[in-house]
Protein backbone atom coordinates (compact mmCIF):
# COMPACT_ATOMS: atom_id res chain seq x y z
CA MET A 1 0.00 0.00 0.00
CA GLN A 2 0.98 3.64 -0.33
CA ALA A 3 1.31 5.48 2.96
CA VAL A 4 2.79 8.56 4.60
CA GLN A 5 5.35 7.61 7.21
CA ALA A 6 6.96 9.66 9.98
CA GLY A 7 10.52 8.37 10.23
CA ARG A 8 11.25 10.42 13.35
CA PHE A 9 9.75 13.18 15.45
CA GLY A 10 10.34 16.69 14.13
CA GLU A 11 9.29 19.22 11.52
CA PRO A 12 6.69 18.48 8.82
CA ASP A 13 9.40 17.31 6.43
CA VAL A 14 9.82 14.11 8.46
CA LEU A 15 6.66 12.93 6.66
CA ALA A 16 7.42 11.00 3.47
CA LEU A 17 5.57 8.69 1.10
CA ALA A 18 6.45 5.02 1.41
CA ASP A 19 5.38 1.69 -0.06
CA LEU A 20 4.43 -0.60 2.80
CA PRO A 21 2.90 -4.10 2.95
CA ASP A 22 -0.89 -4.21 2.89
CA PRO A 23 -2.12 -4.84 6.44
CA ALA A 24 -4.56 -7.69 7.07
CA PRO A 25 -7.29 -7.61 9.73
CA GLY A 26 -6.90 -9.74 12.82
CA PRO A 27 -9.74 -11.06 14.97
CA GLY A 28 -12.29 -8.34 15.65
CA GLN A 29 -10.77 -6.00 13.08
CA VAL A 30 -11.93 -4.43 9.82
CA ALA A 31 -9.69 -3.60 6.86
CA ILE A 32 -10.74 -0.47 4.95
CA ASN A 33 -9.83 0.77 1.48
CA VAL A 34 -9.21 4.40 2.39
CA THR A 35 -10.79 7.09 0.25
CA HIS A 36 -10.23 10.02 2.64
CA ALA A 37 -8.14 10.69 5.76
CA ALA A 38 -8.52 13.89 7.76
CA VAL A 39 -5.54 15.85 9.08
CA GLY A 40 -5.88 17.07 12.66
CA LEU A 41 -3.89 18.89 15.31
CA ILE A 42 -3.38 15.66 17.25
CA ASP A 43 -1.46 14.37 14.21
CA VAL A 44 0.72 17.49 14.37
CA TYR A 45 1.36 17.20 18.11
CA ILE A 46 2.38 13.55 17.87
CA ARG A 47 4.68 14.25 14.92
CA GLN A 48 6.30 17.12 16.82
CA GLY A 49 7.13 14.71 19.63
CA LEU A 50 5.05 16.49 22.26
CA PHE A 51 3.74 13.15 23.53
CA GLN A 52 6.77 10.97 22.87
CA GLY A 53 7.03 8.19 25.38
CA ARG A 54 3.35 8.50 26.31
CA GLU A 55 1.80 5.06 26.74
CA GLY A 56 -0.50 4.08 23.87
CA LEU A 57 0.84 6.69 21.44
CA PRO A 58 3.17 5.88 18.54
CA GLN A 59 6.92 5.93 18.26
CA PRO A 60 8.67 6.38 14.88
CA PRO A 61 8.51 4.99 12.34
CA TYR A 62 4.71 5.17 12.15
CA VAL A 63 1.89 6.15 9.80
CA PRO A 64 -0.10 9.12 11.17
CA GLY A 65 -3.85 9.53 10.89
CA LEU A 66 -6.75 9.44 13.35
CA GLU A 67 -9.82 9.80 11.09
CA VAL A 68 -10.55 7.59 8.08
CA ALA A 69 -13.37 7.11 5.57
CA GLY A 70 -13.57 4.44 2.91
CA THR A 71 -15.09 1.08 2.05
CA VAL A 72 -14.78 -2.27 3.80
CA ARG A 73 -11.99 -4.33 2.24
CA ALA A 74 -11.88 -7.41 4.47
CA LEU A 75 -13.24 -8.67 7.79
CA GLY A 76 -11.28 -10.35 10.54
CA ASP A 77 -12.46 -13.41 12.42
CA GLY A 78 -15.55 -12.80 14.52
CA VAL A 79 -16.57 -9.55 12.82
CA THR A 80 -20.25 -9.28 11.96
CA GLY A 81 -22.55 -6.48 10.85
CA PHE A 82 -20.38 -5.23 7.95
CA ALA A 83 -20.26 -6.17 4.26
CA ILE A 84 -17.41 -5.96 1.78
CA GLY A 85 -17.67 -2.64 -0.08
CA GLU A 86 -19.79 -0.97 2.61
CA LYS A 87 -19.10 2.74 3.17
CA VAL A 88 -17.68 3.41 6.62
CA VAL A 89 -15.92 5.97 8.76
CA THR A 90 -13.70 5.28 11.75
CA LEU A 91 -11.44 6.67 14.47
CA SER A 92 -8.04 5.10 15.06
CA GLY A 93 -7.48 3.85 18.59
CA ASP A 94 -3.91 5.13 18.73
CA ALA A 95 -4.09 8.03 16.23
CA THR A 96 -2.14 6.08 13.60
CA GLY A 97 -2.69 4.39 10.28
CA GLY A 98 -4.98 6.84 8.49
CA TYR A 99 -2.59 8.39 5.96
CA ALA A 100 -2.57 5.26 3.81
CA SER A 101 -4.46 3.49 1.05
CA VAL A 102 -5.41 0.65 3.43
CA TYR A 103 -6.31 0.97 7.11
CA VAL A 104 -7.04 -1.72 9.71
CA GLY A 105 -8.92 -0.91 12.90
CA ASP A 106 -11.05 -2.37 15.65
CA GLN A 107 -14.66 -3.09 14.65
CA SER A 108 -16.02 -1.24 17.70
CA ARG A 109 -14.79 2.03 16.19
CA VAL A 110 -16.03 1.46 12.65
CA VAL A 111 -19.32 3.15 11.78
CA SER A 112 -21.34 2.48 8.63
CA THR A 113 -22.46 5.52 6.64
CA GLU A 114 -24.71 3.47 4.35
CA GLY A 115 -28.23 4.84 4.29
CA TYR A 116 -27.06 8.40 4.93
CA ASP A 117 -26.58 10.89 2.11
CA ILE A 118 -23.13 11.98 3.27
CA ASP A 119 -20.18 12.56 0.96
CA PRO A 120 -17.15 10.58 2.27
CA ALA A 121 -15.02 13.72 2.44
CA LEU A 122 -17.63 15.34 4.68
CA ALA A 123 -18.01 12.10 6.63
CA VAL A 124 -14.33 11.95 7.56
CA ALA A 125 -14.21 15.69 8.21
CA VAL A 126 -17.13 15.86 10.61
CA VAL A 127 -18.51 12.50 11.80
CA PRO A 128 -15.58 11.42 14.03
CA ASN A 129 -15.46 14.87 15.60
CA ALA A 130 -19.24 14.90 16.05
CA ILE A 131 -18.93 11.55 17.83
CA MET A 132 -16.37 13.08 20.17
CA ALA A 133 -18.51 16.19 20.69
CA HIS A 134 -21.55 14.09 21.58
CA VAL A 135 -19.62 11.98 24.08
CA ALA A 136 -18.06 15.10 25.61
CA LEU A 137 -21.39 16.90 26.02
CA THR A 138 -23.26 13.88 27.40
CA ARG A 139 -20.58 12.21 29.49
CA ALA A 140 -17.69 14.53 30.39
CA ILE A 141 -20.42 17.02 31.25
CA GLN A 142 -24.19 16.63 30.96
CA ILE A 143 -25.70 19.43 28.91
CA SER A 144 -29.38 20.07 29.56
CA ALA A 145 -32.06 21.33 27.21
CA GLY A 146 -32.39 25.10 27.32
CA GLU A 147 -28.77 25.78 28.26
CA SER A 148 -26.50 28.23 26.46
CA VAL A 149 -23.16 27.23 24.95
CA LEU A 150 -20.04 29.18 23.94
CA VAL A 151 -17.53 27.48 21.61
CA HIS A 152 -14.03 28.91 21.24
CA GLY A 153 -12.14 28.45 17.96
CA ALA A 154 -15.59 28.04 16.47
CA LEU A 155 -14.51 26.98 12.97
CA GLY A 156 -11.77 24.58 14.04
CA ALA A 157 -11.91 20.88 13.23
CA LEU A 158 -13.25 19.64 16.57
CA ALA A 159 -14.98 22.86 17.62
CA ALA A 160 -17.07 22.91 14.45
CA ALA A 161 -18.81 19.71 15.54
CA PHE A 162 -20.11 21.16 18.80
CA PRO A 163 -22.83 23.60 17.65
CA GLY A 164 -24.78 20.97 15.70
CA VAL A 165 -24.52 18.39 18.46
CA ALA A 166 -25.44 20.98 21.09
CA ARG A 167 -28.52 21.88 19.03
CA GLN A 168 -29.48 18.20 18.88
CA LEU A 169 -29.22 18.03 22.66
CA GLY A 170 -31.51 21.02 23.14
CA ALA A 171 -29.15 23.98 23.56
CA SER A 172 -31.13 27.23 23.45
CA ARG A 173 -28.28 29.42 22.21
CA VAL A 174 -24.87 28.65 20.70
CA VAL A 175 -22.25 31.38 20.25
CA GLY A 176 -18.74 31.01 18.84
CA THR A 177 -15.46 32.89 18.98
CA VAL A 178 -12.72 33.04 16.33
CA ARG A 179 -9.46 34.87 15.73
CA THR A 180 -9.72 38.26 13.99
CA GLU A 181 -8.47 36.91 10.66
CA ARG A 182 -11.22 34.26 10.65
CA MET A 183 -14.14 36.67 11.03
CA GLY A 184 -14.69 36.75 7.26
CA ALA A 185 -15.04 32.98 7.16
CA ALA A 186 -17.29 33.13 10.22
CA ALA A 187 -19.70 35.41 8.39
CA ALA A 188 -20.07 32.82 5.62
CA THR A 189 -20.27 29.66 7.72
CA LYS A 190 -23.27 27.32 7.55
CA LEU A 191 -22.62 26.00 11.05
CA PRO A 192 -25.61 26.59 13.37
CA TYR A 193 -24.24 29.39 15.52
CA ASP A 194 -26.49 32.21 16.67
CA ARG A 195 -23.52 34.54 16.58
CA ILE A 196 -19.72 34.45 16.18
CA VAL A 197 -17.51 37.13 17.74
CA ASP A 198 -13.85 38.12 17.57
CA SER A 199 -11.92 36.47 20.41
CA ALA A 200 -9.59 39.49 20.49
CA GLU A 201 -12.55 41.60 21.65
CA LEU A 202 -13.50 39.40 24.60
CA PRO A 203 -15.16 39.91 27.00
CA ASP A 204 -16.60 43.21 25.70
CA ALA A 205 -17.96 41.64 22.50
CA LEU A 206 -20.40 39.59 24.59
CA GLY A 207 -21.56 42.37 26.89
CA ASP A 208 -23.05 40.90 30.06
CA GLU A 209 -23.92 37.54 28.49
CA LYS A 210 -22.92 34.46 30.48
CA PHE A 211 -22.98 30.82 29.40
CA ASP A 212 -23.90 27.56 31.05
CA VAL A 213 -21.30 25.62 29.07
CA ILE A 214 -18.08 26.79 27.43
CA VAL A 215 -16.17 24.48 25.08
CA ASP A 216 -12.48 25.36 24.87
CA PRO A 217 -10.14 23.70 22.35
CA VAL A 218 -7.90 26.80 22.31
CA GLY A 219 -6.34 27.29 25.77
CA GLY A 220 -4.07 30.13 26.80
CA SER A 221 -5.62 33.53 27.47
CA VAL A 222 -8.95 32.44 26.00
CA ARG A 223 -9.19 29.81 28.73
CA THR A 224 -8.57 32.44 31.40
CA GLN A 225 -11.32 34.66 29.98
CA SER A 226 -13.71 31.71 29.94
CA LEU A 227 -14.04 31.72 33.72
CA ASP A 228 -15.46 35.26 33.60
CA LEU A 229 -17.89 34.28 30.83
CA LEU A 230 -19.41 31.36 32.73
CA ALA A 231 -22.67 31.61 34.59
CA LEU A 232 -22.70 30.57 38.25
CA SER A 233 -22.41 26.77 38.41
CA GLY A 234 -21.34 26.75 34.76
CA ARG A 235 -19.13 24.10 33.18
CA LEU A 236 -15.88 24.66 31.32
CA LEU A 237 -15.06 21.78 28.97
CA LEU A 238 -11.39 21.55 27.93
CA VAL A 239 -10.97 19.64 24.66
CA GLY A 240 -7.65 20.84 23.27
CA ASN A 241 -4.82 23.37 23.29
CA ALA A 242 -4.61 24.92 19.82
CA SER A 243 -2.88 27.99 21.29
CA GLY A 244 0.19 25.89 22.01
CA ASP A 245 0.46 27.43 25.49
CA TRP A 246 1.33 24.31 27.49
CA ASN A 247 2.20 26.20 30.68
CA HIS A 248 -1.12 27.98 31.13
CA ARG A 249 -2.91 27.83 34.50
CA ILE A 250 -6.39 28.89 35.60
CA ASP A 251 -7.56 30.43 38.87
CA GLY A 252 -8.71 27.70 41.25
CA ASN A 253 -10.24 30.24 43.61
CA GLN A 254 -12.75 31.33 40.96
CA ILE A 255 -13.67 27.71 40.39
CA TRP A 256 -14.67 26.99 43.97
CA GLN A 257 -16.12 30.41 44.77
CA ARG A 258 -18.52 30.33 41.79
CA ASN A 259 -19.24 26.58 41.84
CA ILE A 260 -17.68 26.14 38.41
CA VAL A 261 -16.95 22.67 37.05
CA VAL A 262 -13.84 22.27 34.86
CA ALA A 263 -13.78 19.01 32.94
CA GLY A 264 -11.27 17.65 30.47
CA PHE A 265 -12.15 15.40 27.54
CA ASN A 266 -9.50 13.52 25.60
CA ALA A 267 -11.14 11.04 23.21
CA GLY A 268 -7.93 9.05 22.84
CA ALA A 269 -8.03 8.20 26.53
CA TYR A 270 -11.80 8.11 27.06
CA LEU A 271 -13.15 6.02 24.19
CA PRO A 272 -10.93 2.95 24.69
CA ALA A 273 -12.17 2.78 28.28
CA HIS A 274 -15.81 3.40 27.29
CA PRO A 275 -16.43 1.75 23.89
CA GLU A 276 -20.14 1.55 24.69
CA ALA A 277 -20.34 5.33 24.18
CA ILE A 278 -19.44 5.14 20.50
CA ARG A 279 -22.62 3.68 18.97
CA PRO A 280 -25.19 6.16 20.36
CA ALA A 281 -22.79 9.01 19.64
CA ALA A 282 -22.28 7.75 16.09
CA GLU A 283 -26.03 7.66 15.44
CA ALA A 284 -26.32 11.26 16.61
CA ALA A 285 -23.26 12.30 14.58
CA LEU A 286 -24.59 10.76 11.36
CA LYS A 287 -27.98 12.42 11.83
CA ALA A 288 -26.29 15.78 12.47
CA ALA A 289 -24.13 15.47 9.35
CA ALA A 290 -27.06 14.35 7.17
CA ALA A 291 -29.16 17.26 8.47
CA GLY A 292 -26.51 19.81 7.52
CA LEU A 293 -25.73 20.71 11.14
CA ALA A 294 -22.01 20.05 10.69
CA ASP A 295 -21.31 21.50 7.24
CA THR A 296 -17.79 22.87 7.29
CA GLU A 297 -15.27 23.99 4.70
CA ILE A 298 -13.14 21.15 3.31
CA GLU A 299 -10.01 21.17 1.18
CA ILE A 300 -8.91 17.90 -0.42
CA LEU A 301 -5.20 17.19 -0.93
CA SER A 302 -3.16 14.15 -1.99
CA LEU A 303 -1.16 11.96 0.39
CA ALA A 304 1.96 13.57 -1.07
CA ASP A 305 0.78 16.89 0.41
CA ALA A 306 0.71 15.61 4.01
CA ALA A 307 3.75 17.63 5.08
CA SER A 308 2.25 20.79 3.59
CA ALA A 309 -1.04 20.11 5.39
CA HIS A 310 0.79 19.79 8.71
CA GLU A 311 2.69 23.02 8.07
CA ARG A 312 -0.55 24.88 7.37
CA LEU A 313 -2.11 23.63 10.61
CA GLU A 314 0.95 24.78 12.53
CA ASN A 315 0.83 28.19 10.87
CA HIS A 316 -2.94 28.57 11.31
CA THR A 317 -3.37 29.09 7.56
CA ALA A 318 -5.77 26.21 6.91
CA ASN A 319 -9.32 27.25 6.12
CA GLY A 320 -11.58 24.47 7.34
CA ARG A 321 -10.60 20.81 7.35
CA LEU A 322 -7.73 19.40 5.32
CA VAL A 323 -8.45 15.92 3.95
CA LEU A 324 -5.97 13.60 2.21
CA THR A 325 -6.81 11.14 -0.56
CA PRO A 326 -4.58 8.22 -1.66
């Protein structure tokens, strides 16, 4: 098979095309002919070596790639419920294997998209993230109907899944924030936000408005401001650190004085321990995508452009999701 391989940790140029043996599924696994693989910040962080030595995460040489769409190629022993040629989407258990023409993964993470009118590029761009958003909003915290939600980095890969899922779960109002240079794209988005504001103008841009739930994949100063934007007994959900500020801290005194809950959600750690959460979340994610609640901008590149895609994510010059095709 053709694949992109990271020979070592480092800059984007460590990613190179390689011809590797076709993997075969073991018991309980599904082999997929990959049509699309999404590029995400977790791929960038792992390649940079930020998590090197972390249990369960790859060491070079490895093939990056967390999110995959394609068709079923072969079934391992004991696998039922899938047919050869069936359209599917999946999340890798260890954030590897996606940047390839063939992917093998555990059946519990493979979701059929048959019966849904979803383009595979859109499926890989939004369904895995919508699964994660649903699990985060129903398990890491429990959102209730009628609550208000603020989503930072509103057009980002994972963040873009939250407004549609929050709407499904009964949110009364969903507001987003973006960097100044993304305000033009925010004005044109089809994502179901009531309003998107410039994060550089926080908190003034929101006046006296407070939120029951704030979703933060950004970190840094935005995370600090989030405490002041929460209603009493609000919940701050940490789902990433796109700012790259790994030394940031928040004020614990505000948390206890205002009865704030701060919860972290890392799908790579949560889903392997709670595989039962995937199926109901997948059903919700597919319905959201089919209903147009997760429409986001997508740019399709070839596997040979993987290094360029990583560089653009690092430089914050990607508009929407970057998706690779073999």
